[in-house]
Amino acid sequence: MQVKINGKAEEVQAATVLDLLKAKNIDPHMVAVELNSTMLERDHLATTSVTEGDQVEFLFYMGGGQ
């Protein structure tokens, strides 16, 4: 199925958001996930389905600054 990840169309085979994170080698503890303009709670990643045409945004935590 095709979804948009951070604005880029990609073909994925993931059934859930957690599956998608694993397929992209992203640690679920190091990212916040927005699905179709809704922020997801971390404990819902394994139960939230990904469907054709979804828009997913991965927001990565970054350190630094003063």
Protein backbone atom coordinates (compact mmCIF):
# COMPACT_ATOMS: atom_id res chain seq x y z
CA MET A 1 0.00 0.00 0.00
CA GLN A 2 1.11 3.57 -0.49
CA VAL A 3 1.33 6.08 2.35
CA LYS A 4 3.07 9.42 2.78
CA ILE A 5 5.89 9.46 5.30
CA ASN A 6 7.17 12.93 6.20
CA GLY A 7 5.65 14.22 2.95
CA LYS A 8 7.15 11.55 0.67
CA ALA A 9 5.02 8.82 -0.93
CA GLU A 10 6.32 5.35 -0.05
CA GLU A 11 5.20 1.79 -0.69
CA VAL A 12 4.94 -0.09 2.62
CA GLN A 13 3.76 -3.48 3.86
CA ALA A 14 3.18 -2.50 7.51
CA ALA A 15 -0.10 -3.34 9.23
CA THR A 16 0.41 -1.07 12.26
CA VAL A 17 2.36 2.07 13.05
CA LEU A 18 4.75 -0.01 15.18
CA ASP A 19 5.34 -2.36 12.21
CA LEU A 20 6.14 0.69 10.09
CA LEU A 21 8.64 1.97 12.65
CA LYS A 22 10.33 -1.43 12.79
CA ALA A 23 10.49 -1.63 8.98
CA LYS A 24 12.19 1.79 8.91
CA ASN A 25 14.57 0.80 11.77
CA ILE A 26 13.24 3.58 14.01
CA ASP A 27 13.27 3.15 17.79
CA PRO A 28 9.71 3.92 18.98
CA HIS A 29 11.14 5.61 22.09
CA MET A 30 13.07 8.14 20.02
CA VAL A 31 10.22 9.47 17.90
CA ALA A 32 6.77 11.01 18.21
CA VAL A 33 4.28 9.90 15.56
CA GLU A 34 1.51 11.88 13.92
CA LEU A 35 -1.01 9.95 11.82
CA ASN A 36 -3.37 11.97 9.61
CA SER A 37 -2.79 15.12 11.73
CA THR A 38 -3.38 13.30 15.05
CA MET A 39 -0.58 12.71 17.54
CA LEU A 40 -0.48 9.08 18.68
CA GLU A 41 0.17 7.93 22.22
CA ARG A 42 3.21 5.65 22.33
CA ASP A 43 1.16 2.81 23.87
CA HIS A 44 -1.18 2.86 20.84
CA LEU A 45 1.52 2.37 18.17
CA ALA A 46 1.08 -1.43 18.13
CA THR A 47 -2.72 -1.22 17.82
CA THR A 48 -3.09 1.65 15.34
CA SER A 49 -3.53 0.40 11.77
CA VAL A 50 -1.87 1.95 8.74
CA THR A 51 -4.12 2.12 5.67
CA GLU A 52 -3.77 3.15 2.03
CA GLY A 53 -3.32 6.91 1.67
CA ASP A 54 -2.45 7.61 5.31
CA GLN A 55 -0.11 10.50 6.08
CA VAL A 56 2.50 9.71 8.72
CA GLU A 57 4.91 12.18 10.27
CA PHE A 58 7.86 11.04 12.37
CA LEU A 59 9.10 13.74 14.75
CA PHE A 60 12.55 12.88 16.06
CA TYR A 61 13.88 14.02 19.42
CA MET A 62 17.15 15.91 19.08
CA GLY A 63 19.49 17.11 21.76
CA GLY A 64 21.72 20.14 21.78
CA GLY A 65 21.39 23.85 22.12
CA GLN A 66 22.06 26.03 25.12
